[in-house]
N, C-alpha and C. Protein backbone atom coordinates (compact mmCIF):
# COMPACT_ATOMS: atom_id res chain seq x y z
N MET A 1 -2.00 -6.26 -12.01
CA MET A 1 -3.18 -6.93 -11.67
C MET A 1 -4.22 -5.91 -11.28
N PHE A 2 -5.36 -6.00 -11.93
CA PHE A 2 -6.48 -5.10 -11.59
C PHE A 2 -7.47 -5.89 -10.81
N PHE A 3 -7.98 -5.31 -9.76
CA PHE A 3 -9.02 -5.90 -8.93
C PHE A 3 -10.20 -4.94 -8.83
N ASP A 4 -11.40 -5.49 -9.01
CA ASP A 4 -12.60 -4.68 -8.78
C ASP A 4 -12.69 -4.30 -7.33
N ALA A 5 -12.81 -3.01 -7.07
CA ALA A 5 -12.96 -2.52 -5.70
C ALA A 5 -13.81 -1.28 -5.70
N ARG A 6 -15.10 -1.47 -5.51
CA ARG A 6 -16.04 -0.34 -5.50
C ARG A 6 -15.84 0.52 -4.26
N ILE A 7 -15.22 -0.07 -3.23
CA ILE A 7 -14.84 0.67 -2.05
C ILE A 7 -13.35 0.54 -1.88
N ASP A 8 -12.81 1.31 -0.98
CA ASP A 8 -11.36 1.22 -0.74
C ASP A 8 -10.99 -0.16 -0.23
N PRO A 9 -9.78 -0.61 -0.56
CA PRO A 9 -9.32 -1.91 -0.06
C PRO A 9 -9.23 -1.86 1.48
N PRO A 10 -9.12 -3.02 2.13
CA PRO A 10 -9.02 -3.02 3.61
C PRO A 10 -7.84 -2.18 4.11
N ARG A 11 -7.99 -1.69 5.31
CA ARG A 11 -6.93 -0.85 5.89
C ARG A 11 -5.60 -1.59 5.86
N GLY A 12 -4.57 -0.90 5.45
CA GLY A 12 -3.25 -1.49 5.36
C GLY A 12 -2.92 -2.02 3.98
N VAL A 13 -3.93 -2.10 3.08
CA VAL A 13 -3.67 -2.54 1.73
C VAL A 13 -3.70 -1.32 0.83
N PRO A 14 -2.56 -1.00 0.20
CA PRO A 14 -2.54 0.20 -0.66
C PRO A 14 -3.41 0.00 -1.89
N LYS A 15 -3.94 1.13 -2.40
CA LYS A 15 -4.73 1.09 -3.64
C LYS A 15 -3.93 0.70 -4.84
N LYS A 16 -2.64 0.96 -4.77
CA LYS A 16 -1.76 0.66 -5.88
C LYS A 16 -0.40 0.25 -5.29
N GLY A 17 0.20 -0.78 -5.87
CA GLY A 17 1.49 -1.23 -5.36
C GLY A 17 2.21 -2.09 -6.37
N ARG A 18 3.38 -2.53 -6.01
CA ARG A 18 4.22 -3.39 -6.91
C ARG A 18 4.51 -4.69 -6.21
N LYS A 19 4.51 -5.75 -7.00
CA LYS A 19 4.92 -7.06 -6.56
C LYS A 19 6.03 -7.47 -7.45
N GLY A 20 7.25 -7.47 -6.95
CA GLY A 20 8.40 -7.75 -7.83
C GLY A 20 8.58 -6.61 -8.79
N SER A 21 9.21 -6.90 -9.92
CA SER A 21 9.48 -5.82 -10.87
C SER A 21 8.54 -5.81 -12.06
N HIS A 22 7.63 -6.82 -12.15
CA HIS A 22 6.81 -6.91 -13.33
C HIS A 22 5.31 -6.89 -13.07
N VAL A 23 4.90 -6.96 -11.82
CA VAL A 23 3.48 -7.00 -11.49
C VAL A 23 3.08 -5.77 -10.73
N GLU A 24 2.10 -5.09 -11.27
CA GLU A 24 1.53 -3.92 -10.59
C GLU A 24 0.15 -4.32 -10.10
N ILE A 25 -0.15 -4.00 -8.84
CA ILE A 25 -1.45 -4.34 -8.27
C ILE A 25 -2.25 -3.06 -8.07
N VAL A 26 -3.47 -3.01 -8.67
CA VAL A 26 -4.26 -1.79 -8.63
C VAL A 26 -5.72 -2.16 -8.33
N PHE A 27 -6.30 -1.47 -7.36
CA PHE A 27 -7.75 -1.63 -7.09
C PHE A 27 -8.49 -0.51 -7.83
N VAL A 28 -9.45 -0.90 -8.66
CA VAL A 28 -10.17 0.07 -9.50
C VAL A 28 -11.65 -0.26 -9.46
N PRO A 29 -12.51 0.71 -9.81
CA PRO A 29 -13.97 0.42 -9.86
C PRO A 29 -14.32 -0.68 -10.86
N SER A 30 -13.63 -0.79 -11.99
CA SER A 30 -13.94 -1.81 -12.96
C SER A 30 -12.64 -2.36 -13.56
N ALA A 31 -12.29 -3.57 -13.17
CA ALA A 31 -11.10 -4.20 -13.67
C ALA A 31 -11.18 -4.42 -15.17
N ASP A 32 -12.35 -4.78 -15.67
CA ASP A 32 -12.51 -5.01 -17.10
C ASP A 32 -12.16 -3.75 -17.91
N LEU A 33 -12.69 -2.62 -17.49
CA LEU A 33 -12.41 -1.36 -18.19
C LEU A 33 -10.95 -0.96 -18.06
N ALA A 34 -10.35 -1.22 -16.90
CA ALA A 34 -8.93 -0.90 -16.69
C ALA A 34 -8.05 -1.76 -17.58
N ILE A 35 -8.42 -3.03 -17.75
CA ILE A 35 -7.63 -3.90 -18.63
C ILE A 35 -7.72 -3.41 -20.07
N ARG A 36 -8.91 -3.07 -20.53
CA ARG A 36 -9.09 -2.57 -21.89
C ARG A 36 -8.22 -1.27 -22.10
N ALA A 37 -8.29 -0.37 -21.14
CA ALA A 37 -7.52 0.88 -21.25
C ALA A 37 -6.01 0.59 -21.28
N ARG A 38 -5.58 -0.33 -20.43
CA ARG A 38 -4.13 -0.66 -20.40
C ARG A 38 -3.69 -1.25 -21.73
N LEU A 39 -4.53 -2.10 -22.33
CA LEU A 39 -4.17 -2.70 -23.62
C LEU A 39 -4.16 -1.61 -24.74
N ARG A 40 -5.06 -0.64 -24.65
CA ARG A 40 -5.08 0.43 -25.67
C ARG A 40 -3.84 1.32 -25.52
N ASP A 41 -3.40 1.51 -24.27
CA ASP A 41 -2.32 2.48 -24.00
C ASP A 41 -0.91 1.86 -23.99
N SER A 42 -0.82 0.56 -24.25
CA SER A 42 0.50 -0.08 -24.19
C SER A 42 0.69 -0.96 -25.41
N ASP A 43 1.76 -1.70 -25.42
CA ASP A 43 2.05 -2.64 -26.51
C ASP A 43 1.44 -3.97 -26.10
N PRO A 44 0.28 -4.35 -26.64
CA PRO A 44 -0.37 -5.61 -26.22
C PRO A 44 0.52 -6.84 -26.44
N ALA A 45 1.40 -6.78 -27.41
CA ALA A 45 2.28 -7.91 -27.67
C ALA A 45 3.25 -8.18 -26.52
N ARG A 46 3.42 -7.19 -25.65
CA ARG A 46 4.29 -7.35 -24.49
C ARG A 46 3.48 -7.48 -23.19
N THR A 47 2.21 -7.80 -23.33
CA THR A 47 1.29 -7.86 -22.18
C THR A 47 0.66 -9.23 -22.08
N ALA A 48 0.56 -9.73 -20.87
CA ALA A 48 -0.16 -10.96 -20.60
C ALA A 48 -1.38 -10.62 -19.75
N VAL A 49 -2.50 -11.19 -20.12
CA VAL A 49 -3.75 -11.01 -19.39
C VAL A 49 -4.13 -12.33 -18.78
N VAL A 50 -4.26 -12.36 -17.46
CA VAL A 50 -4.64 -13.59 -16.75
C VAL A 50 -6.09 -13.42 -16.32
N SER A 51 -6.98 -14.24 -16.85
CA SER A 51 -8.41 -14.08 -16.56
C SER A 51 -9.16 -15.34 -16.98
N HIS A 52 -10.30 -15.53 -16.37
CA HIS A 52 -11.22 -16.56 -16.86
C HIS A 52 -12.49 -15.96 -17.42
N ASP A 53 -12.52 -14.61 -17.48
CA ASP A 53 -13.65 -13.89 -18.02
C ASP A 53 -13.58 -13.95 -19.56
N ARG A 54 -14.58 -14.53 -20.19
CA ARG A 54 -14.56 -14.72 -21.63
C ARG A 54 -14.45 -13.40 -22.41
N GLU A 55 -15.18 -12.41 -21.97
CA GLU A 55 -15.16 -11.10 -22.66
C GLU A 55 -13.78 -10.48 -22.57
N VAL A 56 -13.19 -10.50 -21.39
CA VAL A 56 -11.85 -9.92 -21.18
C VAL A 56 -10.84 -10.70 -22.02
N CYS A 57 -10.90 -12.03 -21.98
CA CYS A 57 -9.96 -12.86 -22.75
C CYS A 57 -10.09 -12.59 -24.23
N GLY A 58 -11.33 -12.51 -24.71
CA GLY A 58 -11.58 -12.24 -26.14
C GLY A 58 -11.03 -10.93 -26.55
N TYR A 59 -11.25 -9.89 -25.77
CA TYR A 59 -10.74 -8.55 -26.09
C TYR A 59 -9.22 -8.55 -26.08
N ALA A 60 -8.63 -9.17 -25.07
CA ALA A 60 -7.17 -9.20 -24.96
C ALA A 60 -6.56 -9.96 -26.13
N HIS A 61 -7.14 -11.06 -26.47
CA HIS A 61 -6.61 -11.88 -27.60
C HIS A 61 -6.72 -11.08 -28.92
N ALA A 62 -7.85 -10.42 -29.15
CA ALA A 62 -8.04 -9.63 -30.34
C ALA A 62 -7.05 -8.45 -30.43
N ALA A 63 -6.68 -7.96 -29.26
CA ALA A 63 -5.73 -6.84 -29.21
C ALA A 63 -4.29 -7.29 -29.41
N GLY A 64 -4.06 -8.63 -29.33
CA GLY A 64 -2.73 -9.12 -29.52
C GLY A 64 -1.96 -9.47 -28.25
N ALA A 65 -2.64 -9.48 -27.11
CA ALA A 65 -2.00 -9.80 -25.87
C ALA A 65 -2.00 -11.32 -25.66
N ARG A 66 -1.07 -11.76 -24.84
CA ARG A 66 -1.06 -13.16 -24.48
C ARG A 66 -2.13 -13.38 -23.43
N VAL A 67 -2.97 -14.40 -23.61
CA VAL A 67 -4.03 -14.68 -22.67
C VAL A 67 -3.69 -15.97 -21.94
N ILE A 68 -3.75 -15.92 -20.63
CA ILE A 68 -3.44 -17.05 -19.77
C ILE A 68 -4.66 -17.35 -18.88
N ARG A 69 -5.08 -18.61 -18.89
CA ARG A 69 -6.18 -18.99 -17.98
C ARG A 69 -5.68 -18.94 -16.56
N VAL A 70 -6.55 -18.57 -15.64
CA VAL A 70 -6.19 -18.46 -14.23
C VAL A 70 -5.57 -19.76 -13.72
N ILE A 71 -6.18 -20.86 -14.03
CA ILE A 71 -5.68 -22.16 -13.52
C ILE A 71 -4.27 -22.45 -14.05
N ASP A 72 -4.01 -22.10 -15.30
CA ASP A 72 -2.64 -22.28 -15.84
C ASP A 72 -1.62 -21.39 -15.20
N PHE A 73 -2.04 -20.14 -14.91
CA PHE A 73 -1.16 -19.21 -14.23
C PHE A 73 -0.81 -19.71 -12.82
N LEU A 74 -1.83 -20.17 -12.11
CA LEU A 74 -1.60 -20.70 -10.76
C LEU A 74 -0.76 -21.98 -10.79
N ASP A 75 -0.98 -22.83 -11.75
CA ASP A 75 -0.16 -24.04 -11.88
C ASP A 75 1.31 -23.66 -12.07
N GLU A 76 1.55 -22.66 -12.89
CA GLU A 76 2.93 -22.22 -13.13
C GLU A 76 3.53 -21.64 -11.84
N LEU A 77 2.76 -20.89 -11.08
CA LEU A 77 3.26 -20.36 -9.82
C LEU A 77 3.61 -21.51 -8.87
N TYR A 78 2.74 -22.51 -8.77
CA TYR A 78 3.03 -23.67 -7.92
C TYR A 78 4.29 -24.37 -8.38
N ASP A 79 4.45 -24.53 -9.71
CA ASP A 79 5.62 -25.21 -10.24
C ASP A 79 6.91 -24.48 -9.90
N LYS A 80 6.85 -23.15 -9.82
CA LYS A 80 8.04 -22.37 -9.54
C LYS A 80 8.24 -22.21 -8.04
N GLY A 81 7.36 -22.75 -7.25
CA GLY A 81 7.52 -22.67 -5.81
C GLY A 81 7.22 -21.33 -5.22
N ASP A 82 6.38 -20.53 -5.86
CA ASP A 82 6.03 -19.21 -5.36
C ASP A 82 5.30 -19.36 -4.04
N ARG A 83 5.74 -18.69 -3.02
CA ARG A 83 5.14 -18.86 -1.71
C ARG A 83 4.07 -17.79 -1.41
N ASP A 84 3.75 -16.95 -2.42
CA ASP A 84 2.67 -15.96 -2.22
C ASP A 84 1.31 -16.68 -2.24
N ILE A 85 1.28 -17.87 -2.77
CA ILE A 85 0.03 -18.67 -2.75
C ILE A 85 0.22 -19.74 -1.68
N ASP A 86 -0.62 -19.72 -0.70
CA ASP A 86 -0.49 -20.65 0.42
C ASP A 86 -1.06 -22.00 0.04
N PRO A 87 -0.22 -23.03 -0.05
CA PRO A 87 -0.73 -24.34 -0.44
C PRO A 87 -1.66 -24.95 0.60
N LEU A 88 -1.71 -24.38 1.80
CA LEU A 88 -2.62 -24.87 2.84
C LEU A 88 -4.03 -24.30 2.70
N GLU A 89 -4.16 -23.24 1.93
CA GLU A 89 -5.48 -22.66 1.67
C GLU A 89 -6.27 -23.54 0.73
N PRO A 90 -7.63 -23.49 0.80
CA PRO A 90 -8.41 -24.27 -0.14
C PRO A 90 -8.12 -23.84 -1.57
N ARG A 91 -8.01 -24.78 -2.50
CA ARG A 91 -7.70 -24.47 -3.90
C ARG A 91 -8.77 -23.58 -4.48
N GLU A 92 -10.00 -23.64 -3.99
CA GLU A 92 -11.11 -22.81 -4.52
C GLU A 92 -10.78 -21.32 -4.31
N LYS A 93 -10.03 -21.01 -3.30
CA LYS A 93 -9.72 -19.60 -3.02
C LYS A 93 -8.93 -18.98 -4.17
N TYR A 94 -8.22 -19.81 -4.91
CA TYR A 94 -7.41 -19.35 -6.02
C TYR A 94 -8.01 -19.71 -7.39
N GLY A 95 -9.26 -20.08 -7.40
CA GLY A 95 -9.93 -20.40 -8.63
C GLY A 95 -9.61 -21.78 -9.21
N LEU A 96 -9.11 -22.68 -8.37
CA LEU A 96 -8.78 -24.03 -8.85
C LEU A 96 -9.92 -24.98 -8.60
């Protein structure tokens, strides 16, 4: 997961980390550029891009990556009972 971060993340949040064995969390100056670079440097057919940004989704699709809308990704997390998303938080916080 790439997040736009023009400044360092809040204290206690690492600039780069792992969530489980398949998700890498990275704070970068431009998430869009980082996604493009990752797609160029990897096998897009083995990559999923979760975004609602049309440009990012179009680029990822053209590169051969699986594109997942944010709302569909979150629905799947809720269905699997993932507790990293707090169901007590407003749905807008997660793009719903």
